[in-house]
Amino acid sequence: MRSLIFVFTALGVFALAFWAYRENYATQQVLRETRDLQRQIGEAQVRLSVLRAEWAYLNRPDRLMELAEINFDRLGLLPLRPDQFGRIDEVSFPQEPLLSIENTIEVSAMAGASDR
């Protein structure tokens, strides 16, 4: 009986060791994936900052003004003036259509309900 308990204990230890071995490698794999994701996020942030810098460079007011003047014949772009803007209460919004009611049901009071 005692040898049977020793065998089961040894099998339990082997099973736990195998489980711990697999968990160790699974954890290392997840850590590698996390490092790769963090590296990709860092690269994306660098690309985003470069794109923002390029966008700011291309949208300089003096450059845009020069492009508008060069392409005036084709585009007809004029500078914005304050009198071109309006207030929000001057905007006419479209009226919402009324919902049509179909398949109506007439409701009448029951004779017994008025007695109560």
PDB file of N, CA and C in Angstrom:
ATOM      1  N   MET A   1       0.825  -1.190   0.000  1.00  0.00           N
ATOM      2  CA  MET A   1       0.000   0.000   0.000  1.00  0.00           C
ATOM      3  C   MET A   1       0.872   1.257   0.000  1.00  0.00           C
ATOM      4  N   ARG A   2       1.943   1.191   0.803  1.00  0.00           N
ATOM      5  CA  ARG A   2       2.832   2.342   0.907  1.00  0.00           C
ATOM      6  C   ARG A   2       3.526   2.597  -0.436  1.00  0.00           C
ATOM      7  N   SER A   3       3.903   1.550  -1.142  1.00  0.00           N
ATOM      8  CA  SER A   3       4.564   1.720  -2.445  1.00  0.00           C
ATOM      9  C   SER A   3       3.609   2.335  -3.471  1.00  0.00           C
ATOM     10  N   LEU A   4       2.340   2.021  -3.381  1.00  0.00           N
ATOM     11  CA  LEU A   4       1.335   2.603  -4.277  1.00  0.00           C
ATOM     12  C   LEU A   4       1.217   4.122  -4.041  1.00  0.00           C
ATOM     13  N   ILE A   5       1.269   4.538  -2.791  1.00  0.00           N
ATOM     14  CA  ILE A   5       1.225   5.974  -2.463  1.00  0.00           C
ATOM     15  C   ILE A   5       2.474   6.662  -2.988  1.00  0.00           C
ATOM     16  N   PHE A   6       3.650   6.014  -2.866  1.00  0.00           N
ATOM     17  CA  PHE A   6       4.883   6.594  -3.396  1.00  0.00           C
ATOM     18  C   PHE A   6       4.819   6.740  -4.921  1.00  0.00           C
ATOM     19  N   VAL A   7       4.256   5.747  -5.590  1.00  0.00           N
ATOM     20  CA  VAL A   7       4.137   5.801  -7.053  1.00  0.00           C
ATOM     21  C   VAL A   7       3.215   6.948  -7.460  1.00  0.00           C
ATOM     22  N   PHE A   8       2.057   7.070  -6.808  1.00  0.00           N
ATOM     23  CA  PHE A   8       1.129   8.160  -7.125  1.00  0.00           C
ATOM     24  C   PHE A   8       1.731   9.530  -6.805  1.00  0.00           C
ATOM     25  N   THR A   9       2.492   9.600  -5.730  1.00  0.00           N
ATOM     26  CA  THR A   9       3.158  10.859  -5.384  1.00  0.00           C
ATOM     27  C   THR A   9       4.196  11.214  -6.443  1.00  0.00           C
ATOM     28  N   ALA A  10       4.977  10.216  -6.883  1.00  0.00           N
ATOM     29  CA  ALA A  10       5.982  10.452  -7.917  1.00  0.00           C
ATOM     30  C   ALA A  10       5.317  10.866  -9.223  1.00  0.00           C
ATOM     31  N   LEU A  11       4.213  10.226  -9.596  1.00  0.00           N
ATOM     32  CA  LEU A  11       3.485  10.601 -10.806  1.00  0.00           C
ATOM     33  C   LEU A  11       2.924  12.022 -10.688  1.00  0.00           C
ATOM     34  N   GLY A  12       2.446  12.367  -9.507  1.00  0.00           N
ATOM     35  CA  GLY A  12       1.943  13.733  -9.280  1.00  0.00           C
ATOM     36  C   GLY A  12       3.047  14.762  -9.426  1.00  0.00           C
ATOM     37  N   VAL A  13       4.230  14.445  -8.890  1.00  0.00           N
ATOM     38  CA  VAL A  13       5.366  15.367  -9.000  1.00  0.00           C
ATOM     39  C   VAL A  13       5.772  15.514 -10.461  1.00  0.00           C
ATOM     40  N   PHE A  14       5.814  14.391 -11.203  1.00  0.00           N
ATOM     41  CA  PHE A  14       6.148  14.465 -12.628  1.00  0.00           C
ATOM     42  C   PHE A  14       5.120  15.283 -13.400  1.00  0.00           C
ATOM     43  N   ALA A  15       3.848  15.093 -13.086  1.00  0.00           N
ATOM     44  CA  ALA A  15       2.791  15.848 -13.770  1.00  0.00           C
ATOM     45  C   ALA A  15       2.918  17.340 -13.472  1.00  0.00           C
ATOM     46  N   LEU A  16       3.172  17.695 -12.221  1.00  0.00           N
ATOM     47  CA  LEU A  16       3.342  19.110 -11.868  1.00  0.00           C
ATOM     48  C   LEU A  16       4.589  19.698 -12.512  1.00  0.00           C
ATOM     49  N   ALA A  17       5.664  18.905 -12.597  1.00  0.00           N
ATOM     50  CA  ALA A  17       6.887  19.390 -13.243  1.00  0.00           C
ATOM     51  C   ALA A  17       6.650  19.622 -14.731  1.00  0.00           C
ATOM     52  N   PHE A  18       5.931  18.710 -15.371  1.00  0.00           N
ATOM     53  CA  PHE A  18       5.612  18.875 -16.789  1.00  0.00           C
ATOM     54  C   PHE A  18       4.737  20.113 -16.995  1.00  0.00           C
ATOM     55  N   TRP A  19       3.760  20.304 -16.140  1.00  0.00           N
ATOM     56  CA  TRP A  19       2.879  21.479 -16.225  1.00  0.00           C
ATOM     57  C   TRP A  19       3.694  22.774 -16.051  1.00  0.00           C
ATOM     58  N   ALA A  20       4.584  22.796 -15.062  1.00  0.00           N
ATOM     59  CA  ALA A  20       5.397  23.987 -14.816  1.00  0.00           C
ATOM     60  C   ALA A  20       6.330  24.252 -16.000  1.00  0.00           C
ATOM     61  N   TYR A  21       6.857  23.208 -16.608  1.00  0.00           N
ATOM     62  CA  TYR A  21       7.726  23.332 -17.776  1.00  0.00           C
ATOM     63  C   TYR A  21       6.968  23.976 -18.932  1.00  0.00           C
ATOM     64  N   ARG A  22       5.756  23.483 -19.204  1.00  0.00           N
ATOM     65  CA  ARG A  22       4.939  24.037 -20.291  1.00  0.00           C
ATOM     66  C   ARG A  22       4.539  25.485 -19.999  1.00  0.00           C
ATOM     67  N   GLU A  23       4.183  25.774 -18.776  1.00  0.00           N
ATOM     68  CA  GLU A  23       3.789  27.144 -18.406  1.00  0.00           C
ATOM     69  C   GLU A  23       4.966  28.105 -18.557  1.00  0.00           C
ATOM     70  N   ASN A  24       6.161  27.643 -18.227  1.00  0.00           N
ATOM     71  CA  ASN A  24       7.355  28.466 -18.373  1.00  0.00           C
ATOM     72  C   ASN A  24       7.551  28.861 -19.830  1.00  0.00           C
ATOM     73  N   TYR A  25       7.472  27.899 -20.735  1.00  0.00           N
ATOM     74  CA  TYR A  25       7.653  28.213 -22.148  1.00  0.00           C
ATOM     75  C   TYR A  25       6.502  29.040 -22.705  1.00  0.00           C
ATOM     76  N   ALA A  26       5.298  28.798 -22.248  1.00  0.00           N
ATOM     77  CA  ALA A  26       4.166  29.614 -22.682  1.00  0.00           C
ATOM     78  C   ALA A  26       4.340  31.061 -22.216  1.00  0.00           C
ATOM     79  N   THR A  27       4.814  31.243 -21.004  1.00  0.00           N
ATOM     80  CA  THR A  27       5.056  32.594 -20.474  1.00  0.00           C
ATOM     81  C   THR A  27       6.152  33.289 -21.264  1.00  0.00           C
ATOM     82  N   GLN A  28       7.216  32.573 -21.581  1.00  0.00           N
ATOM     83  CA  GLN A  28       8.289  33.170 -22.375  1.00  0.00           C
ATOM     84  C   GLN A  28       7.792  33.574 -23.761  1.00  0.00           C
ATOM     85  N   GLN A  29       6.917  32.761 -24.354  1.00  0.00           N
ATOM     86  CA  GLN A  29       6.354  33.094 -25.665  1.00  0.00           C
ATOM     87  C   GLN A  29       5.508  34.359 -25.587  1.00  0.00           C
ATOM     88  N   VAL A  30       4.687  34.467 -24.550  1.00  0.00           N
ATOM     89  CA  VAL A  30       3.854  35.657 -24.379  1.00  0.00           C
ATOM     90  C   VAL A  30       4.722  36.895 -24.145  1.00  0.00           C
ATOM     91  N   LEU A  31       5.799  36.752 -23.392  1.00  0.00           N
ATOM     92  CA  LEU A  31       6.705  37.884 -23.173  1.00  0.00           C
ATOM     93  C   LEU A  31       7.369  38.326 -24.473  1.00  0.00           C
ATOM     94  N   ARG A  32       7.747  37.358 -25.336  1.00  0.00           N
ATOM     95  CA  ARG A  32       8.322  37.700 -26.641  1.00  0.00           C
ATOM     96  C   ARG A  32       7.307  38.442 -27.502  1.00  0.00           C
ATOM     97  N   GLU A  33       6.063  37.960 -27.505  1.00  0.00           N
ATOM     98  CA  GLU A  33       5.015  38.628 -28.279  1.00  0.00           C
ATOM     99  C   GLU A  33       4.765  40.042 -27.756  1.00  0.00           C
ATOM    100  N   THR A  34       4.808  40.204 -26.437  1.00  0.00           N
ATOM    101  CA  THR A  34       4.608  41.527 -25.845  1.00  0.00           C
ATOM    102  C   THR A  34       5.716  42.477 -26.262  1.00  0.00           C
ATOM    103  N   ARG A  35       6.952  41.999 -26.245  1.00  0.00           N
ATOM    104  CA  ARG A  35       8.070  42.832 -26.680  1.00  0.00           C
ATOM    105  C   ARG A  35       7.923  43.224 -28.147  1.00  0.00           C
ATOM    106  N   ASP A  36       7.501  42.263 -28.987  1.00  0.00           N
ATOM    107  CA  ASP A  36       7.302  42.567 -30.404  1.00  0.00           C
ATOM    108  C   ASP A  36       6.203  43.612 -30.592  1.00  0.00           C
ATOM    109  N   LEU A  37       5.102  43.478 -29.845  1.00  0.00           N
ATOM    110  CA  LEU A  37       4.023  44.454 -29.948  1.00  0.00           C
ATOM    111  C   LEU A  37       4.463  45.833 -29.483  1.00  0.00           C
ATOM    112  N   GLN A  38       5.238  45.883 -28.410  1.00  0.00           N
ATOM    113  CA  GLN A  38       5.735  47.179 -27.930  1.00  0.00           C
ATOM    114  C   GLN A  38       6.678  47.815 -28.954  1.00  0.00           C
ATOM    115  N   ARG A  39       7.483  46.998 -29.609  1.00  0.00           N
ATOM    116  CA  ARG A  39       8.379  47.506 -30.652  1.00  0.00           C
ATOM    117  C   ARG A  39       7.558  48.047 -31.823  1.00  0.00           C
ATOM    118  N   GLN A  40       6.515  47.318 -32.223  1.00  0.00           N
ATOM    119  CA  GLN A  40       5.666  47.778 -33.319  1.00  0.00           C
ATOM    120  C   GLN A  40       4.941  49.070 -32.957  1.00  0.00           C
ATOM    121  N   ILE A  41       4.497  49.178 -31.711  1.00  0.00           N
ATOM    122  CA  ILE A  41       3.827  50.408 -31.266  1.00  0.00           C
ATOM    123  C   ILE A  41       4.802  51.578 -31.315  1.00  0.00           C
ATOM    124  N   GLY A  42       6.030  51.360 -30.872  1.00  0.00           N
ATOM    125  CA  GLY A  42       7.041  52.416 -30.928  1.00  0.00           C
ATOM    126  C   GLY A  42       7.317  52.854 -32.357  1.00  0.00           C
ATOM    127  N   GLU A  43       7.434  51.896 -33.280  1.00  0.00           N
ATOM    128  CA  GLU A  43       7.656  52.234 -34.684  1.00  0.00           C
ATOM    129  C   GLU A  43       6.472  53.002 -35.252  1.00  0.00           C
ATOM    130  N   ALA A  44       5.257  52.605 -34.882  1.00  0.00           N
ATOM    131  CA  ALA A  44       4.065  53.311 -35.367  1.00  0.00           C
ATOM    132  C   ALA A  44       4.012  54.736 -34.824  1.00  0.00           C
ATOM    133  N   GLN A  45       4.427  54.928 -33.576  1.00  0.00           N
ATOM    134  CA  GLN A  45       4.443  56.277 -33.010  1.00  0.00           C
ATOM    135  C   GLN A  45       5.470  57.156 -33.722  1.00  0.00           C
ATOM    136  N   VAL A  46       6.602  56.582 -34.081  1.00  0.00           N
ATOM    137  CA  VAL A  46       7.615  57.344 -34.823  1.00  0.00           C
ATOM    138  C   VAL A  46       7.068  57.726 -36.193  1.00  0.00           C
ATOM    139  N   ARG A  47       6.440  56.767 -36.889  1.00  0.00           N
ATOM    140  CA  ARG A  47       5.859  57.067 -38.201  1.00  0.00           C
ATOM    141  C   ARG A  47       4.786  58.146 -38.083  1.00  0.00           C
ATOM    142  N   LEU A  48       3.964  58.060 -37.031  1.00  0.00           N
ATOM    143  CA  LEU A  48       2.909  59.047 -36.829  1.00  0.00           C
ATOM    144  C   LEU A  48       3.485  60.437 -36.592  1.00  0.00           C
ATOM    145  N   SER A  49       4.547  60.530 -35.807  1.00  0.00           N
ATOM    146  CA  SER A  49       5.148  61.847 -35.569  1.00  0.00           C
ATOM    147  C   SER A  49       5.762  62.408 -36.853  1.00  0.00           C
ATOM    148  N   VAL A  50       6.338  61.553 -37.694  1.00  0.00           N
ATOM    149  CA  VAL A  50       6.879  62.020 -38.973  1.00  0.00           C
ATOM    150  C   VAL A  50       5.746  62.514 -39.871  1.00  0.00           C
ATOM    151  N   LEU A  51       4.637  61.766 -39.905  1.00  0.00           N
ATOM    152  CA  LEU A  51       3.497  62.186 -40.725  1.00  0.00           C
ATOM    153  C   LEU A  51       2.906  63.500 -40.230  1.00  0.00           C
ATOM    154  N   ARG A  52       2.845  63.669 -38.920  1.00  0.00           N
ATOM    155  CA  ARG A  52       2.331  64.940 -38.380  1.00  0.00           C
ATOM    156  C   ARG A  52       3.252  66.102 -38.748  1.00  0.00           C
ATOM    157  N   ALA A  53       4.548  65.866 -38.704  1.00  0.00           N
ATOM    158  CA  ALA A  53       5.502  66.915 -39.080  1.00  0.00           C
ATOM    159  C   ALA A  53       5.369  67.250 -40.566  1.00  0.00           C
ATOM    160  N   GLU A  54       5.214  66.231 -41.407  1.00  0.00           N
ATOM    161  CA  GLU A  54       5.030  66.483 -42.830  1.00  0.00           C
ATOM    162  C   GLU A  54       3.729  67.235 -43.087  1.00  0.00           C
ATOM    163  N   TRP A  55       2.665  66.853 -42.388  1.00  0.00           N
ATOM    164  CA  TRP A  55       1.383  67.529 -42.540  1.00  0.00           C
ATOM    165  C   TRP A  55       1.495  69.002 -42.137  1.00  0.00           C
ATOM    166  N   ALA A  56       2.168  69.273 -41.032  1.00  0.00           N
ATOM    167  CA  ALA A  56       2.348  70.657 -40.594  1.00  0.00           C
ATOM    168  C   ALA A  56       3.190  71.430 -41.610  1.00  0.00           C
ATOM    169  N   TYR A  57       4.189  70.788 -42.191  1.00  0.00           N
ATOM    170  CA  TYR A  57       5.037  71.457 -43.179  1.00  0.00           C
ATOM    171  C   TYR A  57       4.237  71.766 -44.443  1.00  0.00           C
ATOM    172  N   LEU A  58       3.427  70.820 -44.894  1.00  0.00           N
ATOM    173  CA  LEU A  58       2.673  71.026 -46.130  1.00  0.00           C
ATOM    174  C   LEU A  58       1.516  72.003 -45.950  1.00  0.00           C
ATOM    175  N   ASN A  59       1.033  72.204 -44.741  1.00  0.00           N
ATOM    176  CA  ASN A  59      -0.096  73.092 -44.487  1.00  0.00           C
ATOM    177  C   ASN A  59       0.324  74.460 -43.972  1.00  0.00           C
ATOM    178  N   ARG A  60       1.544  74.871 -44.260  1.00  0.00           N
ATOM    179  CA  ARG A  60       1.971  76.218 -43.874  1.00  0.00           C
ATOM    180  C   ARG A  60       1.121  77.235 -44.622  1.00  0.00           C
ATOM    181  N   PRO A  61       0.633  78.281 -43.941  1.00  0.00           N
ATOM    182  CA  PRO A  61      -0.222  79.265 -44.613  1.00  0.00           C
ATOM    183  C   PRO A  61       0.445  79.939 -45.809  1.00  0.00           C
ATOM    184  N   ASP A  62       1.732  80.247 -45.699  1.00  0.00           N
ATOM    185  CA  ASP A  62       2.394  80.910 -46.830  1.00  0.00           C
ATOM    186  C   ASP A  62       2.482  79.982 -48.040  1.00  0.00           C
ATOM    187  N   ARG A  63       2.717  78.693 -47.825  1.00  0.00           N
ATOM    188  CA  ARG A  63       2.772  77.724 -48.920  1.00  0.00           C
ATOM    189  C   ARG A  63       1.400  77.560 -49.560  1.00  0.00           C
ATOM    190  N   LEU A  64       0.362  77.464 -48.733  1.00  0.00           N
ATOM    191  CA  LEU A  64      -0.981  77.307 -49.272  1.00  0.00           C
ATOM    192  C   LEU A  64      -1.421  78.548 -50.044  1.00  0.00           C
ATOM    193  N   MET A  65      -1.046  79.714 -49.543  1.00  0.00           N
ATOM    194  CA  MET A  65      -1.379  80.957 -50.248  1.00  0.00           C
ATOM    195  C   MET A  65      -0.698  80.982 -51.613  1.00  0.00           C
ATOM    196  N   GLU A  66       0.560  80.573 -51.648  1.00  0.00           N
ATOM    197  CA  GLU A  66       1.304  80.542 -52.908  1.00  0.00           C
ATOM    198  C   GLU A  66       0.671  79.552 -53.890  1.00  0.00           C
ATOM    199  N   LEU A  67       0.272  78.383 -53.401  1.00  0.00           N
ATOM    200  CA  LEU A  67      -0.375  77.399 -54.275  1.00  0.00           C
ATOM    201  C   LEU A  67      -1.713  77.913 -54.796  1.00  0.00           C
ATOM    202  N   ALA A  68      -2.464  78.607 -53.936  1.00  0.00           N
ATOM    203  CA  ALA A  68      -3.747  79.164 -54.368  1.00  0.00           C
ATOM    204  C   ALA A  68      -3.533  80.218 -55.447  1.00  0.00           C
ATOM    205  N   GLU A  69      -2.492  81.042 -55.312  1.00  0.00           N
ATOM    206  CA  GLU A  69      -2.203  82.064 -56.322  1.00  0.00           C
ATOM    207  C   GLU A  69      -1.727  81.438 -57.627  1.00  0.00           C
ATOM    208  N   ILE A  70      -0.898  80.416 -57.536  1.00  0.00           N
ATOM    209  CA  ILE A  70      -0.395  79.749 -58.742  1.00  0.00           C
ATOM    210  C   ILE A  70      -1.533  79.090 -59.505  1.00  0.00           C
ATOM    211  N   ASN A  71      -2.464  78.454 -58.799  1.00  0.00           N
ATOM    212  CA  ASN A  71      -3.549  77.701 -59.425  1.00  0.00           C
ATOM    213  C   ASN A  71      -4.868  78.467 -59.454  1.00  0.00           C
ATOM    214  N   PHE A  72      -4.808  79.800 -59.381  1.00  0.00           N
ATOM    215  CA  PHE A  72      -6.040  80.590 -59.348  1.00  0.00           C
ATOM    216  C   PHE A  72      -6.858  80.402 -60.616  1.00  0.00           C
ATOM    217  N   ASP A  73      -6.201  80.321 -61.780  1.00  0.00           N
ATOM    218  CA  ASP A  73      -6.929  80.171 -63.043  1.00  0.00           C
ATOM    219  C   ASP A  73      -7.739  78.882 -63.078  1.00  0.00           C
ATOM    220  N   ARG A  74      -7.184  77.797 -62.564  1.00  0.00           N
ATOM    221  CA  ARG A  74      -7.885  76.514 -62.578  1.00  0.00           C
ATOM    222  C   ARG A  74      -8.888  76.375 -61.443  1.00  0.00           C
ATOM    223  N   LEU A  75      -8.531  76.822 -60.236  1.00  0.00           N
ATOM    224  CA  LEU A  75      -9.344  76.574 -59.056  1.00  0.00           C
ATOM    225  C   LEU A  75     -10.248  77.737 -58.674  1.00  0.00           C
ATOM    226  N   GLY A  76      -9.804  78.916 -58.909  1.00  0.00           N
ATOM    227  CA  GLY A  76     -10.590  80.088 -58.539  1.00  0.00           C
ATOM    228  C   GLY A  76     -10.727  80.262 -57.040  1.00  0.00           C
ATOM    229  N   LEU A  77      -9.728  79.894 -56.285  1.00  0.00           N
ATOM    230  CA  LEU A  77      -9.785  80.003 -54.825  1.00  0.00           C
ATOM    231  C   LEU A  77      -9.528  81.438 -54.398  1.00  0.00           C
ATOM    232  N   LEU A  78     -10.344  81.908 -53.477  1.00  0.00           N
ATOM    233  CA  LEU A  78     -10.189  83.249 -52.925  1.00  0.00           C
ATOM    234  C   LEU A  78      -9.932  83.134 -51.436  1.00  0.00           C
ATOM    235  N   PRO A  79      -9.275  84.147 -50.841  1.00  0.00           N
ATOM    236  CA  PRO A  79      -9.053  84.090 -49.397  1.00  0.00           C
ATOM    237  C   PRO A  79     -10.382  84.200 -48.640  1.00  0.00           C
ATOM    238  N   LEU A  80     -10.435  83.613 -47.473  1.00  0.00           N
ATOM    239  CA  LEU A  80     -11.637  83.676 -46.646  1.00  0.00           C
ATOM    240  C   LEU A  80     -11.774  85.059 -46.036  1.00  0.00           C
ATOM    241  N   ARG A  81     -13.025  85.514 -45.967  1.00  0.00           N
ATOM    242  CA  ARG A  81     -13.321  86.813 -45.360  1.00  0.00           C
ATOM    243  C   ARG A  81     -14.325  86.594 -44.244  1.00  0.00           C
ATOM    244  N   PRO A  82     -14.335  87.475 -43.248  1.00  0.00           N
ATOM    245  CA  PRO A  82     -15.264  87.306 -42.120  1.00  0.00           C
ATOM    246  C   PRO A  82     -16.733  87.374 -42.527  1.00  0.00           C
ATOM    247  N   ASP A  83     -17.052  88.117 -43.584  1.00  0.00           N
ATOM    248  CA  ASP A  83     -18.457  88.218 -43.975  1.00  0.00           C
ATOM    249  C   ASP A  83     -18.969  86.966 -44.676  1.00  0.00           C
ATOM    250  N   GLN A  84     -18.096  85.984 -44.941  1.00  0.00           N
ATOM    251  CA  GLN A  84     -18.525  84.733 -45.561  1.00  0.00           C
ATOM    252  C   GLN A  84     -19.101  83.752 -44.534  1.00  0.00           C
ATOM    253  N   PHE A  85     -18.976  84.063 -43.262  1.00  0.00           N
ATOM    254  CA  PHE A  85     -19.443  83.159 -42.219  1.00  0.00           C
ATOM    255  C   PHE A  85     -20.778  83.660 -41.680  1.00  0.00           C
ATOM    256  N   GLY A  86     -21.593  82.764 -41.207  1.00  0.00           N
ATOM    257  CA  GLY A  86     -22.880  83.124 -40.624  1.00  0.00           C
ATOM    258  C   GLY A  86     -23.007  82.570 -39.224  1.00  0.00           C
ATOM    259  N   ARG A  87     -24.151  82.835 -38.614  1.00  0.00           N
ATOM    260  CA  ARG A  87     -24.432  82.315 -37.277  1.00  0.00           C
ATOM    261  C   ARG A  87     -25.256  81.045 -37.417  1.00  0.00           C
ATOM    262  N   ILE A  88     -25.257  80.263 -36.389  1.00  0.00           N
ATOM    263  CA  ILE A  88     -25.959  78.977 -36.435  1.00  0.00           C
ATOM    264  C   ILE A  88     -27.464  79.175 -36.520  1.00  0.00           C
ATOM    265  N   ASP A  89     -28.005  80.276 -35.962  1.00  0.00           N
ATOM    266  CA  ASP A  89     -29.451  80.479 -36.023  1.00  0.00           C
ATOM    267  C   ASP A  89     -29.897  80.930 -37.417  1.00  0.00           C
ATOM    268  N   GLU A  90     -28.960  81.240 -38.305  1.00  0.00           N
ATOM    269  CA  GLU A  90     -29.298  81.601 -39.672  1.00  0.00           C
ATOM    270  C   GLU A  90     -29.382  80.388 -40.595  1.00  0.00           C
ATOM    271  N   VAL A  91     -28.982  79.245 -40.114  1.00  0.00           N
ATOM    272  CA  VAL A  91     -29.003  78.033 -40.917  1.00  0.00           C
ATOM    273  C   VAL A  91     -30.408  77.458 -40.890  1.00  0.00           C
ATOM    274  N   SER A  92     -30.951  77.161 -42.067  1.00  0.00           N
ATOM    275  CA  SER A  92     -32.284  76.555 -42.118  1.00  0.00           C
ATOM    276  C   SER A  92     -32.116  75.046 -42.247  1.00  0.00           C
ATOM    277  N   PHE A  93     -32.580  74.354 -41.251  1.00  0.00           N
ATOM    278  CA  PHE A  93     -32.492  72.902 -41.246  1.00  0.00           C
ATOM    279  C   PHE A  93     -33.749  72.335 -41.895  1.00  0.00           C
ATOM    280  N   PRO A  94     -33.668  71.207 -42.571  1.00  0.00           N
ATOM    281  CA  PRO A  94     -34.869  70.630 -43.197  1.00  0.00           C
ATOM    282  C   PRO A  94     -35.861  70.155 -42.138  1.00  0.00           C
ATOM    283  N   GLN A  95     -37.146  70.313 -42.462  1.00  0.00           N
ATOM    284  CA  GLN A  95     -38.196  69.867 -41.554  1.00  0.00           C
ATOM    285  C   GLN A  95     -38.226  68.341 -41.536  1.00  0.00           C
ATOM    286  N   GLU A  96     -38.431  67.782 -40.363  1.00  0.00           N
ATOM    287  CA  GLU A  96     -38.553  66.333 -40.260  1.00  0.00           C
ATOM    288  C   GLU A  96     -39.926  65.926 -40.776  1.00  0.00           C
ATOM    289  N   PRO A  97     -39.983  64.895 -41.618  1.00  0.00           N
ATOM    290  CA  PRO A  97     -41.288  64.489 -42.146  1.00  0.00           C
ATOM    291  C   PRO A  97     -42.151  63.892 -41.033  1.00  0.00           C
ATOM    292  N   LEU A  98     -43.453  64.171 -41.127  1.00  0.00           N
ATOM    293  CA  LEU A  98     -44.382  63.600 -40.154  1.00  0.00           C
ATOM    294  C   LEU A  98     -44.577  62.126 -40.459  1.00  0.00           C
ATOM    295  N   LEU A  99     -44.677  61.350 -39.425  1.00  0.00           N
ATOM    296  CA  LEU A  99     -44.882  59.921 -39.610  1.00  0.00           C
ATOM    297  C   LEU A  99     -46.343  59.665 -39.943  1.00  0.00           C
ATOM    298  N   SER A 100     -46.556  58.842 -40.946  1.00  0.00           N
ATOM    299  CA  SER A 100     -47.934  58.497 -41.283  1.00  0.00           C
ATOM    300  C   SER A 100     -48.366  57.325 -40.409  1.00  0.00           C
ATOM    301  N   ILE A 101     -49.576  57.425 -39.902  1.00  0.00           N
ATOM    302  CA  ILE A 101     -50.107  56.385 -39.024  1.00  0.00           C
ATOM    303  C   ILE A 101     -51.022  55.508 -39.843  1.00  0.00           C
ATOM    304  N   GLU A 102     -50.685  54.235 -39.913  1.00  0.00           N
ATOM    305  CA  GLU A 102     -51.465  53.278 -40.685  1.00  0.00           C
ATOM    306  C   GLU A 102     -51.920  52.162 -39.755  1.00  0.00           C
ATOM    307  N   ASN A 103     -52.935  51.433 -40.193  1.00  0.00           N
ATOM    308  CA  ASN A 103     -53.478  50.305 -39.433  1.00  0.00           C
ATOM    309  C   ASN A 103     -53.870  50.736 -38.013  1.00  0.00           C
ATOM    310  N   THR A 104     -54.696  51.748 -37.935  1.00  0.00           N
ATOM    311  CA  THR A 104     -55.121  52.235 -36.622  1.00  0.00           C
ATOM    312  C   THR A 104     -56.146  51.295 -36.018  1.00  0.00           C
ATOM    313  N   ILE A 105     -56.208  51.287 -34.725  1.00  0.00           N
ATOM    314  CA  ILE A 105     -57.169  50.466 -33.976  1.00  0.00           C
ATOM    315  C   ILE A 105     -57.964  51.392 -33.084  1.00  0.00           C
ATOM    316  N   GLU A 106     -59.291  51.305 -33.187  1.00  0.00           N
ATOM    317  CA  GLU A 106     -60.125  52.129 -32.323  1.00  0.00           C
ATOM    318  C   GLU A 106     -60.280  51.444 -30.986  1.00  0.00           C
ATOM    319  N   VAL A 107     -60.176  52.233 -29.911  1.00  0.00           N
ATOM    320  CA  VAL A 107     -60.271  51.711 -28.559  1.00  0.00           C
ATOM    321  C   VAL A 107     -61.497  52.338 -27.917  1.00  0.00           C
ATOM    322  N   SER A 108     -62.328  51.506 -27.333  1.00  0.00           N
ATOM    323  CA  SER A 108     -63.503  52.038 -26.638  1.00  0.00           C
ATOM    324  C   SER A 108     -63.482  51.511 -25.210  1.00  0.00           C
ATOM    325  N   ALA A 109     -64.096  52.254 -24.324  1.00  0.00           N
ATOM    326  CA  ALA A 109     -64.123  51.859 -22.916  1.00  0.00           C
ATOM    327  C   ALA A 109     -65.077  50.691 -22.740  1.00  0.00           C
ATOM    328  N   MET A 110     -64.708  49.784 -21.880  1.00  0.00           N
ATOM    329  CA  MET A 110     -65.565  48.649 -21.590  1.00  0.00           C
ATOM    330  C   MET A 110     -66.644  49.066 -20.623  1.00  0.00           C
ATOM    331  N   ALA A 111     -67.791  48.451 -20.681  1.00  0.00           N
ATOM    332  CA  ALA A 111     -68.923  48.842 -19.831  1.00  0.00           C
ATOM    333  C   ALA A 111     -68.621  48.564 -18.369  1.00  0.00           C
ATOM    334  N   GLY A 112     -67.939  47.476 -18.059  1.00  0.00           N
ATOM    335  CA  GLY A 112     -67.651  47.120 -16.665  1.00  0.00           C
ATOM    336  C   GLY A 112     -66.562  47.968 -16.061  1.00  0.00           C
ATOM    337  N   ALA A 113     -65.726  48.605 -16.866  1.00  0.00           N
ATOM    338  CA  ALA A 113     -64.607  49.384 -16.350  1.00  0.00           C
ATOM    339  C   ALA A 113     -65.065  50.684 -15.729  1.00  0.00           C
ATOM    340  N   SER A 114     -66.180  51.250 -16.185  1.00  0.00           N
ATOM    341  CA  SER A 114     -66.633  52.528 -15.630  1.00  0.00           C
ATOM    342  C   SER A 114     -67.319  52.357 -14.280  1.00  0.00           C
ATOM    343  N   ASP A 115     -67.707  51.126 -13.929  1.00  0.00           N
ATOM    344  CA  ASP A 115     -68.369  50.882 -12.665  1.00  0.00           C
ATOM    345  C   ASP A 115     -67.401  50.929 -11.492  1.00  0.00           C
ATOM    346  N   ARG A 116     -66.221  50.741 -11.705  1.00  0.00           N
ATOM    347  CA  ARG A 116     -65.241  50.649 -10.612  1.00  0.00           C
ATOM    348  C   ARG A 116     -64.823  51.944 -10.088  1.00  0.00           C
TER     349      ARG A 116
END
